Amino acid sequence: MKSTMMRLIGRLLIVSMLALPFQTVQAGMIGTDQIASGATAQMQRSTVIRTIDRPDVANQLQALGVDASIAKERVASMTDAEVQSLANSLNTLPAGADNAAWGWAIVVALVIWAWYSYR
């Protein structure tokens, strides 16, 4: 009786080892460039959202028919590369008079509109 039970358990173990898949797990080191790129992307995302929060930009977005809260949601759902491109565009615009504020608002509105329409 005992040997019959051992044979049954042995056969079940053999079948289960052949039938069930094995999963391998591989651990690796995380480079500083990966960590730094994540922090940079978060910083750029917050820069774009702070720009949308500015009253002059929010007014221009409203004039163009884009709600500021929807624009923030769209920025939050953008990829890191898209946010980086938008933040670089905002950083290269001239600062100063009201024209700069219009430029920021137009760039933000156009990028958000383009991203949303081609999605």
N, C-alpha and C. Protein backbone atom coordinates (compact mmCIF):
# COMPACT_ATOMS: atom_id res chain seq x y z
N MET A 1 0.82 -1.18 0.00
CA MET A 1 0.00 0.00 0.00
C MET A 1 0.87 1.25 0.00
N LYS A 2 1.92 1.22 0.84
CA LYS A 2 2.79 2.37 0.94
C LYS A 2 3.57 2.59 -0.36
N SER A 3 4.02 1.52 -1.00
CA SER A 3 4.76 1.67 -2.25
C SER A 3 3.84 2.11 -3.39
N THR A 4 2.60 1.70 -3.37
CA THR A 4 1.64 2.14 -4.39
C THR A 4 1.39 3.64 -4.26
N MET A 5 1.26 4.11 -3.04
CA MET A 5 1.04 5.53 -2.80
C MET A 5 2.27 6.33 -3.22
N MET A 6 3.46 5.83 -2.94
CA MET A 6 4.69 6.53 -3.32
C MET A 6 4.83 6.58 -4.84
N ARG A 7 4.45 5.51 -5.52
CA ARG A 7 4.50 5.51 -6.99
C ARG A 7 3.53 6.54 -7.56
N LEU A 8 2.32 6.61 -6.99
CA LEU A 8 1.32 7.56 -7.45
C LEU A 8 1.81 8.99 -7.24
N ILE A 9 2.35 9.28 -6.09
CA ILE A 9 2.88 10.63 -5.81
C ILE A 9 4.05 10.94 -6.74
N GLY A 10 4.91 9.98 -6.95
CA GLY A 10 6.05 10.17 -7.86
C GLY A 10 5.59 10.47 -9.27
N ARG A 11 4.61 9.73 -9.76
CA ARG A 11 4.09 9.96 -11.12
C ARG A 11 3.41 11.32 -11.22
N LEU A 12 2.66 11.71 -10.18
CA LEU A 12 2.03 13.03 -10.19
C LEU A 12 3.07 14.15 -10.22
N LEU A 13 4.15 13.97 -9.48
CA LEU A 13 5.21 14.97 -9.48
C LEU A 13 5.89 15.06 -10.84
N ILE A 14 6.12 13.92 -11.48
CA ILE A 14 6.74 13.92 -12.80
C ILE A 14 5.84 14.60 -13.82
N VAL A 15 4.56 14.28 -13.81
CA VAL A 15 3.61 14.89 -14.75
C VAL A 15 3.51 16.39 -14.49
N SER A 16 3.44 16.78 -13.23
CA SER A 16 3.31 18.20 -12.94
C SER A 16 4.57 18.98 -13.34
N MET A 17 5.74 18.38 -13.19
CA MET A 17 6.97 19.06 -13.61
C MET A 17 7.05 19.19 -15.12
N LEU A 18 6.51 18.24 -15.84
CA LEU A 18 6.53 18.32 -17.30
C LEU A 18 5.43 19.22 -17.83
N ALA A 19 4.30 19.25 -17.17
CA ALA A 19 3.14 19.98 -17.68
C ALA A 19 3.15 21.45 -17.28
N LEU A 20 3.62 21.76 -16.09
CA LEU A 20 3.57 23.13 -15.61
C LEU A 20 4.79 23.91 -16.08
N PRO A 21 4.58 25.14 -16.54
CA PRO A 21 5.71 25.93 -17.02
C PRO A 21 6.57 26.47 -15.88
N PHE A 22 7.83 26.62 -16.19
CA PHE A 22 8.75 27.22 -15.24
C PHE A 22 8.94 28.67 -15.63
N GLN A 23 9.00 29.53 -14.66
CA GLN A 23 9.26 30.94 -14.91
C GLN A 23 10.59 31.30 -14.28
N THR A 24 11.39 31.98 -15.08
CA THR A 24 12.67 32.41 -14.54
C THR A 24 12.60 33.89 -14.21
N VAL A 25 13.24 34.27 -13.18
CA VAL A 25 13.29 35.66 -12.75
C VAL A 25 14.74 36.10 -12.84
N GLN A 26 14.92 37.28 -13.41
CA GLN A 26 16.27 37.78 -13.57
C GLN A 26 16.33 39.17 -12.95
N ALA A 27 17.24 39.35 -12.06
CA ALA A 27 17.43 40.65 -11.42
C ALA A 27 18.64 41.33 -12.04
N GLY A 28 18.58 42.62 -12.11
CA GLY A 28 19.69 43.37 -12.67
C GLY A 28 19.86 44.69 -11.95
N MET A 29 20.97 45.30 -12.21
CA MET A 29 21.25 46.59 -11.61
C MET A 29 20.51 47.68 -12.38
N ILE A 30 20.07 48.67 -11.66
CA ILE A 30 19.42 49.83 -12.26
C ILE A 30 20.48 50.91 -12.37
N GLY A 31 20.66 51.41 -13.56
CA GLY A 31 21.66 52.44 -13.77
C GLY A 31 21.19 53.80 -13.31
N THR A 32 22.15 54.67 -13.03
CA THR A 32 21.80 56.01 -12.59
C THR A 32 21.13 56.81 -13.69
N ASP A 33 21.41 56.49 -14.95
CA ASP A 33 20.76 57.20 -16.05
C ASP A 33 19.26 56.92 -16.08
N GLN A 34 18.86 55.71 -15.71
CA GLN A 34 17.43 55.40 -15.66
C GLN A 34 16.75 56.15 -14.53
N ILE A 35 17.40 56.24 -13.40
CA ILE A 35 16.82 56.97 -12.27
C ILE A 35 16.78 58.46 -12.57
N ALA A 36 17.85 58.97 -13.13
CA ALA A 36 17.92 60.40 -13.43
C ALA A 36 16.91 60.79 -14.50
N SER A 37 16.70 59.93 -15.49
CA SER A 37 15.74 60.27 -16.54
C SER A 37 14.32 60.30 -15.98
N GLY A 38 14.02 59.44 -15.03
CA GLY A 38 12.70 59.47 -14.40
C GLY A 38 12.48 60.73 -13.60
N ALA A 39 13.50 61.15 -12.87
CA ALA A 39 13.39 62.38 -12.08
C ALA A 39 13.30 63.60 -13.00
N THR A 40 14.06 63.59 -14.07
CA THR A 40 14.03 64.70 -15.02
C THR A 40 12.67 64.79 -15.69
N ALA A 41 12.12 63.65 -16.07
CA ALA A 41 10.80 63.65 -16.72
C ALA A 41 9.73 64.18 -15.77
N GLN A 42 9.80 63.80 -14.50
CA GLN A 42 8.83 64.29 -13.53
C GLN A 42 8.97 65.79 -13.32
N MET A 43 10.21 66.28 -13.31
CA MET A 43 10.45 67.70 -13.15
C MET A 43 9.92 68.48 -14.36
N GLN A 44 10.15 67.94 -15.56
CA GLN A 44 9.65 68.60 -16.76
C GLN A 44 8.12 68.58 -16.81
N ARG A 45 7.52 67.48 -16.37
CA ARG A 45 6.07 67.39 -16.33
C ARG A 45 5.48 68.44 -15.38
N SER A 46 6.12 68.61 -14.22
CA SER A 46 5.62 69.61 -13.28
C SER A 46 5.83 71.03 -13.81
N THR A 47 6.90 71.24 -14.59
CA THR A 47 7.12 72.55 -15.21
C THR A 47 6.00 72.89 -16.19
N VAL A 48 5.62 71.91 -17.00
CA VAL A 48 4.55 72.14 -17.98
C VAL A 48 3.23 72.39 -17.25
N ILE A 49 2.96 71.64 -16.21
CA ILE A 49 1.71 71.81 -15.47
C ILE A 49 1.70 73.17 -14.76
N ARG A 50 2.85 73.61 -14.22
CA ARG A 50 2.92 74.94 -13.61
C ARG A 50 2.67 76.02 -14.65
N THR A 51 3.13 75.79 -15.87
CA THR A 51 2.89 76.75 -16.94
C THR A 51 1.40 76.83 -17.25
N ILE A 52 0.73 75.70 -17.26
CA ILE A 52 -0.71 75.70 -17.52
C ILE A 52 -1.45 76.39 -16.38
N ASP A 53 -0.93 76.32 -15.16
CA ASP A 53 -1.57 76.95 -14.01
C ASP A 53 -1.46 78.47 -14.03
N ARG A 54 -0.54 79.02 -14.79
CA ARG A 54 -0.39 80.47 -14.84
C ARG A 54 -1.69 81.09 -15.35
N PRO A 55 -2.10 82.21 -14.77
CA PRO A 55 -3.38 82.81 -15.17
C PRO A 55 -3.43 83.23 -16.63
N ASP A 56 -2.34 83.79 -17.14
CA ASP A 56 -2.36 84.24 -18.54
C ASP A 56 -2.44 83.05 -19.50
N VAL A 57 -1.76 81.98 -19.18
CA VAL A 57 -1.81 80.79 -20.03
C VAL A 57 -3.19 80.13 -19.94
N ALA A 58 -3.72 80.06 -18.71
CA ALA A 58 -5.06 79.47 -18.53
C ALA A 58 -6.11 80.27 -19.28
N ASN A 59 -5.99 81.60 -19.26
CA ASN A 59 -6.95 82.43 -20.00
C ASN A 59 -6.83 82.20 -21.50
N GLN A 60 -5.60 82.08 -21.99
CA GLN A 60 -5.41 81.84 -23.42
C GLN A 60 -5.93 80.46 -23.82
N LEU A 61 -5.70 79.46 -22.98
CA LEU A 61 -6.23 78.13 -23.26
C LEU A 61 -7.75 78.17 -23.30
N GLN A 62 -8.35 78.90 -22.36
CA GLN A 62 -9.81 79.03 -22.32
C GLN A 62 -10.31 79.73 -23.58
N ALA A 63 -9.57 80.74 -24.05
CA ALA A 63 -9.96 81.44 -25.27
C ALA A 63 -9.87 80.51 -26.49
N LEU A 64 -8.94 79.58 -26.44
CA LEU A 64 -8.81 78.62 -27.54
C LEU A 64 -9.76 77.43 -27.41
N GLY A 65 -10.54 77.40 -26.32
CA GLY A 65 -11.51 76.34 -26.13
C GLY A 65 -10.99 75.10 -25.43
N VAL A 66 -9.88 75.23 -24.74
CA VAL A 66 -9.30 74.09 -24.01
C VAL A 66 -9.39 74.39 -22.52
N ASP A 67 -10.02 73.50 -21.77
CA ASP A 67 -10.11 73.67 -20.33
C ASP A 67 -8.76 73.33 -19.70
N ALA A 68 -8.35 74.11 -18.71
CA ALA A 68 -7.03 73.91 -18.09
C ALA A 68 -6.93 72.56 -17.39
N SER A 69 -8.01 72.10 -16.79
CA SER A 69 -7.96 70.80 -16.10
C SER A 69 -7.81 69.66 -17.10
N ILE A 70 -8.44 69.79 -18.26
CA ILE A 70 -8.29 68.76 -19.30
C ILE A 70 -6.86 68.80 -19.85
N ALA A 71 -6.31 69.99 -19.99
CA ALA A 71 -4.93 70.11 -20.47
C ALA A 71 -3.96 69.46 -19.50
N LYS A 72 -4.21 69.62 -18.19
CA LYS A 72 -3.35 68.99 -17.18
C LYS A 72 -3.46 67.47 -17.25
N GLU A 73 -4.66 66.97 -17.45
CA GLU A 73 -4.84 65.52 -17.58
C GLU A 73 -4.11 64.99 -18.80
N ARG A 74 -4.16 65.74 -19.88
CA ARG A 74 -3.46 65.30 -21.10
C ARG A 74 -1.96 65.32 -20.91
N VAL A 75 -1.46 66.32 -20.22
CA VAL A 75 -0.02 66.37 -19.93
C VAL A 75 0.37 65.19 -19.05
N ALA A 76 -0.48 64.86 -18.08
CA ALA A 76 -0.18 63.74 -17.19
C ALA A 76 -0.15 62.41 -17.93
N SER A 77 -0.91 62.30 -19.02
CA SER A 77 -0.94 61.04 -19.76
C SER A 77 0.05 61.00 -20.92
N MET A 78 0.81 62.06 -21.12
CA MET A 78 1.82 62.08 -22.18
C MET A 78 3.00 61.19 -21.81
N THR A 79 3.70 60.72 -22.82
CA THR A 79 4.92 59.96 -22.57
C THR A 79 6.03 60.92 -22.14
N ASP A 80 7.09 60.35 -21.60
CA ASP A 80 8.21 61.18 -21.14
C ASP A 80 8.85 61.94 -22.30
N ALA A 81 8.93 61.32 -23.46
CA ALA A 81 9.54 61.98 -24.62
C ALA A 81 8.69 63.17 -25.08
N GLU A 82 7.37 63.02 -25.05
CA GLU A 82 6.50 64.11 -25.44
C GLU A 82 6.58 65.27 -24.46
N VAL A 83 6.63 64.96 -23.18
CA VAL A 83 6.76 66.01 -22.17
C VAL A 83 8.11 66.71 -22.29
N GLN A 84 9.16 65.94 -22.57
CA GLN A 84 10.48 66.54 -22.74
C GLN A 84 10.48 67.50 -23.93
N SER A 85 9.87 67.10 -25.02
CA SER A 85 9.79 67.96 -26.19
C SER A 85 9.03 69.25 -25.89
N LEU A 86 7.91 69.10 -25.19
CA LEU A 86 7.10 70.27 -24.83
C LEU A 86 7.85 71.18 -23.87
N ALA A 87 8.49 70.61 -22.87
CA ALA A 87 9.25 71.42 -21.90
C ALA A 87 10.41 72.13 -22.58
N ASN A 88 11.07 71.47 -23.51
CA ASN A 88 12.17 72.13 -24.24
C ASN A 88 11.63 73.27 -25.10
N SER A 89 10.45 73.08 -25.68
CA SER A 89 9.84 74.16 -26.46
C SER A 89 9.51 75.35 -25.56
N LEU A 90 9.01 75.06 -24.37
CA LEU A 90 8.67 76.14 -23.45
C LEU A 90 9.93 76.86 -22.96
N ASN A 91 11.02 76.13 -22.80
CA ASN A 91 12.26 76.75 -22.31
C ASN A 91 12.94 77.60 -23.36
N THR A 92 12.69 77.36 -24.64
CA THR A 92 13.35 78.13 -25.69
C THR A 92 12.55 79.34 -26.13
N LEU A 93 11.33 79.49 -25.65
CA LEU A 93 10.53 80.66 -26.01
C LEU A 93 11.09 81.91 -25.34
N PRO A 94 10.95 83.05 -26.00
CA PRO A 94 11.44 84.28 -25.39
C PRO A 94 10.59 84.68 -24.18
N ALA A 95 11.25 85.23 -23.19
CA ALA A 95 10.55 85.69 -21.99
C ALA A 95 10.43 87.19 -22.03
N GLY A 96 9.43 87.71 -21.33
CA GLY A 96 9.32 89.16 -21.27
C GLY A 96 7.89 89.63 -21.37
N ALA A 97 7.56 90.25 -22.47
CA ALA A 97 6.28 90.92 -22.64
C ALA A 97 5.13 89.93 -22.74
N ASP A 98 3.95 90.48 -23.00
CA ASP A 98 2.76 89.65 -23.12
C ASP A 98 2.85 88.67 -24.29
N ASN A 99 3.64 89.00 -25.29
CA ASN A 99 3.79 88.09 -26.43
C ASN A 99 4.35 86.75 -26.01
N ALA A 100 5.23 86.76 -25.00
CA ALA A 100 5.80 85.50 -24.52
C ALA A 100 4.71 84.64 -23.89
N ALA A 101 3.81 85.26 -23.15
CA ALA A 101 2.72 84.50 -22.53
C ALA A 101 1.81 83.91 -23.61
N TRP A 102 1.54 84.68 -24.64
CA TRP A 102 0.73 84.16 -25.74
C TRP A 102 1.45 83.01 -26.42
N GLY A 103 2.75 83.16 -26.57
CA GLY A 103 3.52 82.09 -27.21
C GLY A 103 3.48 80.81 -26.41
N TRP A 104 3.63 80.93 -25.10
CA TRP A 104 3.57 79.74 -24.24
C TRP A 104 2.21 79.08 -24.35
N ALA A 105 1.18 79.88 -24.28
CA ALA A 105 -0.17 79.32 -24.33
C ALA A 105 -0.44 78.66 -25.67
N ILE A 106 0.02 79.28 -26.73
CA ILE A 106 -0.21 78.71 -28.05
C ILE A 106 0.56 77.41 -28.23
N VAL A 107 1.82 77.40 -27.78
CA VAL A 107 2.61 76.17 -27.90
C VAL A 107 1.98 75.05 -27.08
N VAL A 108 1.59 75.34 -25.85
CA VAL A 108 0.98 74.32 -25.01
C VAL A 108 -0.33 73.83 -25.64
N ALA A 109 -1.15 74.75 -26.10
CA ALA A 109 -2.43 74.37 -26.70
C ALA A 109 -2.23 73.55 -27.97
N LEU A 110 -1.29 73.95 -28.81
CA LEU A 110 -1.05 73.22 -30.05
C LEU A 110 -0.50 71.82 -29.81
N VAL A 111 0.42 71.70 -28.88
CA VAL A 111 0.99 70.38 -28.60
C VAL A 111 -0.07 69.46 -27.99
N ILE A 112 -0.85 69.98 -27.07
CA ILE A 112 -1.90 69.16 -26.46
C ILE A 112 -2.95 68.79 -27.50
N TRP A 113 -3.32 69.74 -28.33
CA TRP A 113 -4.31 69.46 -29.37
C TRP A 113 -3.76 68.41 -30.35
N ALA A 114 -2.50 68.56 -30.77
CA ALA A 114 -1.91 67.61 -31.71
C ALA A 114 -1.80 66.22 -31.09
N TRP A 115 -1.40 66.17 -29.84
CA TRP A 115 -1.27 64.88 -29.17
C TRP A 115 -2.63 64.20 -29.04
N TYR A 116 -3.64 64.97 -28.69
CA TYR A 116 -4.97 64.39 -28.49
C TYR A 116 -5.59 63.96 -29.83
N SER A 117 -5.39 64.74 -30.88
CA SER A 117 -6.04 64.41 -32.15
C SER A 117 -5.36 63.24 -32.88
N TYR A 118 -4.07 63.02 -32.63
CA TYR A 118 -3.38 61.93 -33.30
C TYR A 118 -3.30 60.68 -32.45
N ARG A 119 -3.87 60.71 -31.30
CA ARG A 119 -3.86 59.57 -30.39
C ARG A 119 -4.84 58.57 -30.79
